[in-house]
C-alpha atoms as a PDB file:
ATOM      1  CA  MET A   1     -20.724  32.047 -16.185  1.00  0.00           C
ATOM      2  CA  SER A   2     -17.551  32.192 -17.638  1.00  0.00           C
ATOM      3  CA  SER A   3     -15.886  29.402 -19.901  1.00  0.00           C
ATOM      4  CA  GLN A   4     -12.223  28.334 -19.724  1.00  0.00           C
ATOM      5  CA  THR A   5     -11.787  30.257 -23.143  1.00  0.00           C
ATOM      6  CA  ASP A   6     -13.224  33.363 -21.655  1.00  0.00           C
ATOM      7  CA  ILE A   7     -10.603  33.052 -18.754  1.00  0.00           C
ATOM      8  CA  CYS A   8      -8.081  32.629 -21.213  1.00  0.00           C
ATOM      9  CA  ASN A   9      -9.830  35.488 -23.569  1.00  0.00           C
ATOM     10  CA  LEU A  10      -9.418  38.269 -20.195  1.00  0.00           C
ATOM     11  CA  ALA A  11      -5.758  37.248 -20.052  1.00  0.00           C
ATOM     12  CA  LEU A  12      -5.446  38.191 -23.731  1.00  0.00           C
ATOM     13  CA  ASP A  13      -7.303  41.059 -23.419  1.00  0.00           C
ATOM     14  CA  ILE A  14      -5.075  42.391 -20.762  1.00  0.00           C
ATOM     15  CA  LEU A  15      -1.597  41.650 -23.172  1.00  0.00           C
ATOM     16  CA  GLY A  16      -3.887  43.583 -26.117  1.00  0.00           C
ATOM     17  CA  LYS A  17      -3.703  40.220 -28.674  1.00  0.00           C
ATOM     18  CA  PRO A  18      -7.091  39.267 -30.360  1.00  0.00           C
ATOM     19  CA  THR A  19      -9.410  36.732 -28.525  1.00  0.00           C
ATOM     20  CA  ILE A  20      -9.588  32.809 -29.027  1.00  0.00           C
ATOM     21  CA  VAL A  21     -12.359  31.218 -30.287  1.00  0.00           C
ATOM     22  CA  ASN A  22     -11.672  27.674 -28.291  1.00  0.00           C
ATOM     23  CA  ILE A  23      -8.716  27.124 -25.952  1.00  0.00           C
ATOM     24  CA  THR A  24      -7.760  24.519 -27.889  1.00  0.00           C
ATOM     25  CA  ASP A  25      -7.213  26.461 -31.223  1.00  0.00           C
ATOM     26  CA  PRO A  26      -3.882  26.003 -32.927  1.00  0.00           C
ATOM     27  CA  SER A  27      -2.647  29.316 -32.365  1.00  0.00           C
ATOM     28  CA  ASN A  28       0.391  30.446 -30.504  1.00  0.00           C
ATOM     29  CA  ALA A  29      -1.861  31.925 -27.547  1.00  0.00           C
ATOM     30  CA  ALA A  30      -3.961  29.519 -27.335  1.00  0.00           C
ATOM     31  CA  ARG A  31      -1.608  26.806 -27.316  1.00  0.00           C
ATOM     32  CA  ALA A  32       0.757  28.789 -24.344  1.00  0.00           C
ATOM     33  CA  LEU A  33      -2.386  29.277 -22.277  1.00  0.00           C
ATOM     34  CA  ASN A  34      -3.690  25.855 -22.195  1.00  0.00           C
ATOM     35  CA  ALA A  35      -0.327  24.725 -21.387  1.00  0.00           C
ATOM     36  CA  ILE A  36      -0.248  26.160 -18.177  1.00  0.00           C
ATOM     37  CA  TYR A  37      -4.314  26.692 -17.562  1.00  0.00           C
ATOM     38  CA  ASP A  38      -4.794  23.914 -15.311  1.00  0.00           C
ATOM     39  CA  THR A  39      -1.363  24.022 -13.452  1.00  0.00           C
ATOM     40  CA  ARG A  40      -2.148  28.067 -12.775  1.00  0.00           C
ATOM     41  CA  ARG A  41      -6.010  26.334 -11.729  1.00  0.00           C
ATOM     42  CA  ARG A  42      -4.599  24.490  -8.991  1.00  0.00           C
ATOM     43  CA  ALA A  43      -1.630  26.732  -7.885  1.00  0.00           C
ATOM     44  CA  LEU A  44      -4.391  29.822  -7.339  1.00  0.00           C
ATOM     45  CA  LEU A  45      -6.766  27.250  -5.451  1.00  0.00           C
ATOM     46  CA  GLU A  46      -3.857  25.568  -2.798  1.00  0.00           C
ATOM     47  CA  GLY A  47      -3.127  29.374  -1.869  1.00  0.00           C
ATOM     48  CA  PRO A  48      -1.960  31.335  -0.015  1.00  0.00           C
ATOM     49  CA  ALA A  49      -4.987  32.418  -0.504  1.00  0.00           C
ATOM     50  CA  VAL A  50      -8.154  30.529   0.064  1.00  0.00           C
ATOM     51  CA  TRP A  51     -11.233  30.881  -1.994  1.00  0.00           C
ATOM     52  CA  ARG A  52     -14.452  30.538  -0.105  1.00  0.00           C
ATOM     53  CA  PHE A  53     -16.134  28.834  -3.833  1.00  0.00           C
ATOM     54  CA  SER A  54     -13.470  26.352  -3.274  1.00  0.00           C
ATOM     55  CA  VAL A  55     -13.758  25.433   0.693  1.00  0.00           C
ATOM     56  CA  LYS A  56     -15.659  21.940   1.335  1.00  0.00           C
ATOM     57  CA  ARG A  57     -16.375  19.900   4.332  1.00  0.00           C
ATOM     58  CA  GLY A  58     -16.424  16.062   4.394  1.00  0.00           C
ATOM     59  CA  SER A  59     -15.928  12.831   6.808  1.00  0.00           C
ATOM     60  CA  LEU A  60     -13.465  10.978   6.417  1.00  0.00           C
ATOM     61  CA  ALA A  61     -13.367   6.540   6.911  1.00  0.00           C
ATOM     62  CA  ALA A  62      -9.759   5.434   8.537  1.00  0.00           C
ATOM     63  CA  SER A  63      -7.730   3.239   6.183  1.00  0.00           C
ATOM     64  CA  ALA A  64      -7.881  -0.474   7.350  1.00  0.00           C
ATOM     65  CA  THR A  65      -4.139   0.015   7.183  1.00  0.00           C
ATOM     66  CA  ALA A  66      -2.177   1.734  10.062  1.00  0.00           C
ATOM     67  CA  PRO A  67       0.914   3.984   9.741  1.00  0.00           C
ATOM     68  CA  VAL A  68       4.014   2.106   9.564  1.00  0.00           C
ATOM     69  CA  SER A  69       5.659   4.069  12.166  1.00  0.00           C
ATOM     70  CA  GLY A  70       5.214   7.499  14.189  1.00  0.00           C
ATOM     71  CA  PRO A  71       2.956   8.199  17.326  1.00  0.00           C
ATOM     72  CA  PHE A  72       0.098   7.982  15.767  1.00  0.00           C
ATOM     73  CA  GLN A  73      -2.060   5.066  15.305  1.00  0.00           C
ATOM     74  CA  THR A  74      -5.020   6.022  12.465  1.00  0.00           C
ATOM     75  CA  GLN A  75      -4.497   7.272   8.818  1.00  0.00           C
ATOM     76  CA  TYR A  76      -7.040   8.513   7.148  1.00  0.00           C
ATOM     77  CA  PRO A  77      -6.915   9.150   2.877  1.00  0.00           C
ATOM     78  CA  PHE A  78      -7.872  12.600   1.588  1.00  0.00           C
ATOM     79  CA  PRO A  79     -10.811  13.188  -0.336  1.00  0.00           C
ATOM     80  CA  THR A  80     -10.286  12.486  -4.347  1.00  0.00           C
ATOM     81  CA  ASP A  81     -11.132  16.293  -4.700  1.00  0.00           C
ATOM     82  CA  CYS A  82      -8.532  17.588  -1.888  1.00  0.00           C
ATOM     83  CA  ILE A  83      -5.666  19.743  -2.557  1.00  0.00           C
ATOM     84  CA  ARG A  84      -5.243  20.885   1.064  1.00  0.00           C
ATOM     85  CA  PRO A  85      -6.811  19.922   4.615  1.00  0.00           C
ATOM     86  CA  LEU A  86      -7.994  23.618   6.169  1.00  0.00           C
ATOM     87  CA  LEU A  87      -9.085  22.457   9.821  1.00  0.00           C
ATOM     88  CA  VAL A  88      -8.941  18.392  10.803  1.00  0.00           C
ATOM     89  CA  GLY A  89     -11.194  17.391  13.465  1.00  0.00           C
ATOM     90  CA  ASP A  90     -14.323  18.767  15.376  1.00  0.00           C
ATOM     91  CA  THR A  91     -12.971  21.220  17.142  1.00  0.00           C
ATOM     92  CA  TRP A  92     -12.952  24.861  15.844  1.00  0.00           C
ATOM     93  CA  PRO A  93      -9.709  27.024  16.939  1.00  0.00           C
ATOM     94  CA  GLY A  94     -10.042  29.577  19.588  1.00  0.00           C
ATOM     95  CA  LEU A  95      -9.556  30.627  23.191  1.00  0.00           C
ATOM     96  CA  ASP A  96      -9.217  28.282  25.323  1.00  0.00           C
ATOM     97  CA  LEU A  97      -7.832  28.728  28.885  1.00  0.00           C
ATOM     98  CA  SER A  98      -8.598  24.418  29.609  1.00  0.00           C
ATOM     99  CA  ASP A  99      -5.146  23.616  28.612  1.00  0.00           C
ATOM    100  CA  TYR A 100      -1.811  25.616  29.048  1.00  0.00           C
ATOM    101  CA  ARG A 101      -0.126  25.812  25.696  1.00  0.00           C
ATOM    102  CA  LEU A 102       3.247  27.632  25.353  1.00  0.00           C
ATOM    103  CA  GLY A 103       2.360  27.722  21.144  1.00  0.00           C
ATOM    104  CA  PRO A 104      -0.129  26.733  18.758  1.00  0.00           C
ATOM    105  CA  VAL A 105      -1.177  22.816  18.966  1.00  0.00           C
ATOM    106  CA  ASP A 106       0.401  21.547  15.522  1.00  0.00           C
ATOM    107  CA  ASN A 107       0.835  17.974  16.960  1.00  0.00           C
ATOM    108  CA  ASP A 108      -2.705  17.008  16.818  1.00  0.00           C
ATOM    109  CA  TYR A 109      -2.039  15.060  13.326  1.00  0.00           C
ATOM    110  CA  GLN A 110      -0.112  15.444  10.885  1.00  0.00           C
ATOM    111  CA  ILE A 111       0.021  15.032   6.639  1.00  0.00           C
ATOM    112  CA  GLU A 112       2.110  12.502   4.923  1.00  0.00           C
ATOM    113  CA  GLY A 113       1.672  12.440   1.074  1.00  0.00           C
ATOM    114  CA  ARG A 114      -2.187  12.322   0.744  1.00  0.00           C
ATOM    115  CA  MET A 115      -2.651  10.945   4.019  1.00  0.00           C
ATOM    116  CA  ILE A 116      -3.804  12.546   7.376  1.00  0.00           C
ATOM    117  CA  LEU A 117      -2.218  10.593  10.552  1.00  0.00           C
ATOM    118  CA  CYS A 118      -3.841  11.231  13.918  1.00  0.00           C
ATOM    119  CA  ASP A 119      -5.625   9.278  16.738  1.00  0.00           C
ATOM    120  CA  PHE A 120      -8.615  11.146  16.561  1.00  0.00           C
ATOM    121  CA  GLY A 121     -11.516   8.552  16.175  1.00  0.00           C
ATOM    122  CA  ALA A 122     -13.428   8.120  12.808  1.00  0.00           C
ATOM    123  CA  PRO A 123     -15.386   9.375  10.966  1.00  0.00           C
ATOM    124  CA  LEU A 124     -12.850  12.092  11.377  1.00  0.00           C
ATOM    125  CA  SER A 125     -14.330  15.928  10.147  1.00  0.00           C
ATOM    126  CA  ILE A 126     -12.841  17.512   7.310  1.00  0.00           C
ATOM    127  CA  MET A 127     -12.193  21.359   5.981  1.00  0.00           C
ATOM    128  CA  TYR A 128     -10.770  21.592   2.967  1.00  0.00           C
ATOM    129  CA  VAL A 129      -9.525  23.024  -0.374  1.00  0.00           C
ATOM    130  CA  SER A 130     -11.648  21.187  -3.493  1.00  0.00           C
ATOM    131  CA  ASP A 131     -10.243  21.216  -6.584  1.00  0.00           C
ATOM    132  CA  VAL A 132     -12.864  22.732  -8.381  1.00  0.00           C
ATOM    133  CA  THR A 133     -12.659  22.653 -12.000  1.00  0.00           C
ATOM    134  CA  ASP A 134     -15.987  23.736 -12.983  1.00  0.00           C
ATOM    135  CA  THR A 135     -15.356  27.397 -14.164  1.00  0.00           C
ATOM    136  CA  THR A 136     -19.506  27.966 -13.963  1.00  0.00           C
ATOM    137  CA  LEU A 137     -18.313  27.731 -10.311  1.00  0.00           C
ATOM    138  CA  PHE A 138     -15.382  29.975 -10.074  1.00  0.00           C
ATOM    139  CA  ASN A 139     -16.174  33.547  -7.988  1.00  0.00           C
ATOM    140  CA  PRO A 140     -16.394  36.201 -10.452  1.00  0.00           C
ATOM    141  CA  HIS A 141     -13.632  37.874  -8.923  1.00  0.00           C
ATOM    142  CA  PHE A 142     -11.424  34.555  -9.096  1.00  0.00           C
ATOM    143  CA  VAL A 143     -12.016  34.520 -12.842  1.00  0.00           C
ATOM    144  CA  ASN A 144     -10.654  38.520 -12.683  1.00  0.00           C
ATOM    145  CA  TYR A 145      -7.703  37.222 -10.874  1.00  0.00           C
ATOM    146  CA  PHE A 146      -7.235  34.088 -13.097  1.00  0.00           C
ATOM    147  CA  GLY A 147      -6.806  35.958 -15.906  1.00  0.00           C
ATOM    148  CA  ALA A 148      -4.739  38.365 -15.224  1.00  0.00           C
ATOM    149  CA  ASP A 149      -2.298  35.740 -13.853  1.00  0.00           C
ATOM    150  CA  LEU A 150      -2.325  33.416 -16.833  1.00  0.00           C
ATOM    151  CA  ALA A 151      -1.709  36.843 -18.725  1.00  0.00           C
ATOM    152  CA  TRP A 152       1.443  37.385 -16.273  1.00  0.00           C
ATOM    153  CA  TRP A 153       2.693  33.885 -16.715  1.00  0.00           C
ATOM    154  CA  ALA A 154       2.231  33.977 -20.709  1.00  0.00           C
ATOM    155  CA  CYS A 155       3.493  37.125 -21.300  1.00  0.00           C
ATOM    156  CA  GLU A 156       6.613  36.526 -22.523  1.00  0.00           C
ATOM    157  CA  ARG A 157       5.976  33.789 -24.874  1.00  0.00           C
ATOM    158  CA  ILE A 158       2.573  35.668 -26.298  1.00  0.00           C
ATOM    159  CA  THR A 159       4.124  39.621 -26.023  1.00  0.00           C
ATOM    160  CA  GLY A 160       7.629  39.349 -25.120  1.00  0.00           C
ATOM    161  CA  SER A 161       6.620  42.541 -23.382  1.00  0.00           C
ATOM    162  CA  ILE A 162       7.830  43.937 -19.911  1.00  0.00           C
ATOM    163  CA  GLU A 163       5.161  46.852 -19.601  1.00  0.00           C
ATOM    164  CA  ARG A 164       2.576  43.953 -20.629  1.00  0.00           C
ATOM    165  CA  GLN A 165       3.444  41.765 -17.726  1.00  0.00           C
ATOM    166  CA  SER A 166       3.819  44.892 -15.307  1.00  0.00           C
ATOM    167  CA  LEU A 167      -0.024  45.450 -16.490  1.00  0.00           C
ATOM    168  CA  ALA A 168      -1.370  42.041 -15.819  1.00  0.00           C
ATOM    169  CA  ALA A 169       1.035  41.768 -12.700  1.00  0.00           C
ATOM    170  CA  ASN A 170      -0.612  44.892 -11.317  1.00  0.00           C
ATOM    171  CA  ARG A 171      -4.471  43.784 -12.607  1.00  0.00           C
ATOM    172  CA  ARG A 172      -3.739  40.395 -10.610  1.00  0.00           C
ATOM    173  CA  GLU A 173      -3.507  42.835  -7.708  1.00  0.00           C
ATOM    174  CA  LEU A 174      -6.143  44.959  -8.068  1.00  0.00           C
ATOM    175  CA  ALA A 175      -8.225  41.956  -8.443  1.00  0.00           C
ATOM    176  CA  ARG A 176      -7.076  40.522  -5.391  1.00  0.00           C
ATOM    177  CA  LYS A 177      -7.654  43.762  -3.596  1.00  0.00           C
ATOM    178  CA  GLU A 178     -11.383  43.548  -4.920  1.00  0.00           C
ATOM    179  CA  ALA A 179     -11.773  39.867  -3.591  1.00  0.00           C
ATOM    180  CA  THR A 180     -10.477  40.394  -0.168  1.00  0.00           C
ATOM    181  CA  ALA A 181     -13.186  43.568   0.138  1.00  0.00           C
ATOM    182  CA  SER A 182     -15.900  41.136  -1.235  1.00  0.00           C
ATOM    183  CA  ASN A 183     -15.290  38.708   1.435  1.00  0.00           C
ATOM    184  CA  ALA A 184     -14.253  36.212  -1.642  1.00  0.00           C
ATOM    185  CA  LEU A 185     -11.602  34.984   0.549  1.00  0.00           C
ATOM    186  CA  VAL A 186     -11.330  32.984   3.471  1.00  0.00           C
ATOM    187  CA  ARG A 187      -9.340  33.517   6.585  1.00  0.00           C
ATOM    188  CA  VAL A 188      -7.354  30.120   7.585  1.00  0.00           C
ATOM    189  CA  PRO A 189      -8.341  28.773  11.457  1.00  0.00           C
ATOM    190  CA  GLU A 190      -5.477  29.396  13.574  1.00  0.00           C
ATOM    191  CA  ILE A 191      -4.580  27.804  16.835  1.00  0.00           C
ATOM    192  CA  PRO A 192      -3.232  30.791  19.136  1.00  0.00           C
ATOM    193  CA  ALA A 193      -0.845  30.382  21.869  1.00  0.00           C
ATOM    194  CA  ASP A 194      -1.819  30.983  25.475  1.00  0.00           C
ATOM    195  CA  ASP A 195      -1.050  34.269  26.617  1.00  0.00           C
ATOM    196  CA  THR A 196       1.981  35.814  28.568  1.00  0.00           C
ATOM    197  CA  TRP A 197      -1.373  36.469  31.214  1.00  0.00           C
ATOM    198  CA  ILE A 198      -1.715  32.819  31.138  1.00  0.00           C
ATOM    199  CA  ALA A 199       1.518  32.201  31.312  1.00  0.00           C
ATOM    200  CA  SER A 200       2.709  33.446  34.033  1.00  0.00           C
ATOM    201  CA  ARG A 201      -0.250  32.330  36.509  1.00  0.00           C
ATOM    202  CA  LEU A 202       1.478  29.081  36.170  1.00  0.00           C
ATOM    203  CA  GLN A 203       5.008  29.978  36.914  1.00  0.00           C
END
């Protein structure tokens, strides 16, 4: 299992620099990586790629406060560890010929701040990207991707080498491809529009 320091040392290895004993070391390399570690972790989890290990499901209670205005009567607060929702409600997106749609159904709910506004009854089912901080839960491909990403972002401060930054970008892309091939990434559910054949029957 990888620690924060292990991930930072992976970045330093890509940059051709000596490893560190701890992410809180007073060295320039440790400070540079420590300064961006958590920001980049959250950014990579948020997407656009969705990492399978970060996906969770939950059931939300409605807020006692209704939306101030707008079409929805109920709002639900995000789970405390939610970075972004992936699927709201109990219906899985897919082909559904019971209703006529000109496009994706994007008005069943609305996200404002850290609230989900909708008219779905409580409790509200949700699938979401969680804010995973425990490195022992990280997928190995995410560790490789994260390390290469840190190397790319911190390269100028640590090495000032354009060549090393290019190497980090290549390593990051390789890690992404390996993650895709190994099924470490999740395809976000989408609601398809009715096709032209269905639409033509209603003309």
